[in-house]
C-alpha atoms as a PDB file:
ATOM      1  CA  MET A   1       0.000   0.000   0.000  1.00  0.00           C
ATOM      2  CA  GLY A   2       2.835   2.376   0.826  1.00  0.00           C
ATOM      3  CA  LYS A   3       4.453   1.929  -2.592  1.00  0.00           C
ATOM      4  CA  VAL A   4       1.229   2.899  -4.349  1.00  0.00           C
ATOM      5  CA  VAL A   5       0.960   6.092  -2.312  1.00  0.00           C
ATOM      6  CA  VAL A   6       4.549   7.021  -3.160  1.00  0.00           C
ATOM      7  CA  LYS A   7       3.994   6.292  -6.864  1.00  0.00           C
ATOM      8  CA  VAL A   8       0.838   8.412  -6.965  1.00  0.00           C
ATOM      9  CA  ALA A   9       2.603  11.247  -5.135  1.00  0.00           C
ATOM     10  CA  VAL A  10       5.520  11.144  -7.593  1.00  0.00           C
ATOM     11  CA  TRP A  11       3.070  11.019 -10.519  1.00  0.00           C
ATOM     12  CA  PHE A  12       1.190  14.026  -9.146  1.00  0.00           C
ATOM     13  CA  VAL A  13       4.330  16.145  -8.844  1.00  0.00           C
ATOM     14  CA  ILE A  14       5.569  15.164 -12.316  1.00  0.00           C
ATOM     15  CA  PHE A  15       2.095  15.700 -13.793  1.00  0.00           C
ATOM     16  CA  ILE A  16       1.710  19.191 -12.333  1.00  0.00           C
ATOM     17  CA  VAL A  17       5.198  20.300 -13.388  1.00  0.00           C
ATOM     18  CA  LEU A  18       4.903  18.981 -16.960  1.00  0.00           C
ATOM     19  CA  LEU A  19       1.332  20.208 -17.339  1.00  0.00           C
ATOM     20  CA  THR A  20       2.352  23.697 -16.226  1.00  0.00           C
ATOM     21  CA  LEU A  21       5.277  23.682 -18.647  1.00  0.00           C
ATOM     22  CA  GLY A  22       3.090  22.425 -21.501  1.00  0.00           C
ATOM     23  CA  LEU A  23       0.379  25.009 -20.884  1.00  0.00           C
ATOM     24  CA  GLU A  24       2.966  27.796 -20.704  1.00  0.00           C
ATOM     25  CA  MET A  25       4.305  26.627 -24.054  1.00  0.00           C
ATOM     26  CA  ILE A  26       0.800  26.627 -25.539  1.00  0.00           C
ATOM     27  CA  SER A  27       0.214  30.201 -24.426  1.00  0.00           C
ATOM     28  CA  ALA A  28       3.518  31.420 -25.918  1.00  0.00           C
ATOM     29  CA  PRO A  29       3.344  33.549 -29.093  1.00  0.00           C
ATOM     30  CA  ASN A  30       5.583  31.120 -31.010  1.00  0.00           C
ATOM     31  CA  THR A  31       3.832  28.557 -33.255  1.00  0.00           C
ATOM     32  CA  ILE A  32       6.508  25.876 -32.839  1.00  0.00           C
ATOM     33  CA  GLU A  33       6.282  26.214 -29.071  1.00  0.00           C
ATOM     34  CA  ASN A  34       2.487  25.922 -29.285  1.00  0.00           C
ATOM     35  CA  VAL A  35       2.696  22.654 -31.194  1.00  0.00           C
ATOM     36  CA  ILE A  36       5.345  21.179 -28.879  1.00  0.00           C
ATOM     37  CA  GLY A  37       3.321  22.235 -25.825  1.00  0.00           C
ATOM     38  CA  PHE A  38       0.168  20.640 -27.230  1.00  0.00           C
ATOM     39  CA  PHE A  39       1.925  17.343 -27.921  1.00  0.00           C
ATOM     40  CA  MET A  40       3.535  17.465 -24.473  1.00  0.00           C
ATOM     41  CA  VAL A  41       0.125  17.800 -22.778  1.00  0.00           C
ATOM     42  CA  VAL A  42      -1.296  14.986 -24.931  1.00  0.00           C
ATOM     43  CA  ALA A  43       1.694  12.757 -24.080  1.00  0.00           C
ATOM     44  CA  ILE A  44       1.306  13.470 -20.356  1.00  0.00           C
ATOM     45  CA  LEU A  45      -2.377  12.559 -20.447  1.00  0.00           C
ATOM     46  CA  TYR A  46      -1.712   9.446 -22.553  1.00  0.00           C
ATOM     47  CA  LEU A  47       1.010   8.169 -20.208  1.00  0.00           C
ATOM     48  CA  SER A  48      -1.135   8.872 -17.165  1.00  0.00           C
ATOM     49  CA  VAL A  49      -4.000   6.821 -18.569  1.00  0.00           C
ATOM     50  CA  ARG A  50      -1.800   3.981 -19.867  1.00  0.00           C
ATOM     51  CA  THR A  51       0.118   3.562 -16.591  1.00  0.00           C
ATOM     52  CA  LYS A  52      -2.880   4.306 -14.334  1.00  0.00           C
ATOM     53  CA  CYS A  53      -1.027   7.261 -12.819  1.00  0.00           C
ATOM     54  CA  LEU A  54       2.271   5.312 -12.720  1.00  0.00           C
ATOM     55  CA  THR A  55       0.834   2.640 -10.381  1.00  0.00           C
ATOM     56  CA  THR A  56       1.167  -0.246 -12.869  1.00  0.00           C
ATOM     57  CA  ILE A  57       4.942   0.105 -13.193  1.00  0.00           C
ATOM     58  CA  LYS A  58       6.673  -2.813 -11.507  1.00  0.00           C
ATOM     59  CA  LEU A  59       9.975  -1.985  -9.907  1.00  0.00           C
ATOM     60  CA  GLU A  60      12.217  -4.967  -9.136  1.00  0.00           C
ATOM     61  CA  ARG A  61      15.758  -5.088  -7.929  1.00  0.00           C
ATOM     62  CA  LYS A  62      18.198  -7.522  -9.486  1.00  0.00           C
ATOM     63  CA  HIS A  63      18.455  -9.681  -6.368  1.00  0.00           C
ATOM     64  CA  GLU A  64      14.656  -9.996  -6.070  1.00  0.00           C
ATOM     65  CA  LYS A  65      14.288 -11.997  -9.315  1.00  0.00           C
END
């Protein structure tokens, strides 16, 4: 249970930082920056949905195999 809480907390911080950066890029007057910002926001949302907010990632150490 503790690992899931840590993963969700890490996801939340990463999500907020990247979303803020992507939205700032979208609001910039440069067209290239707008396109990159849009794709960044789409990628963030896609990865969040695919990994269920990073909770489906399995982390194993070499000696645990």
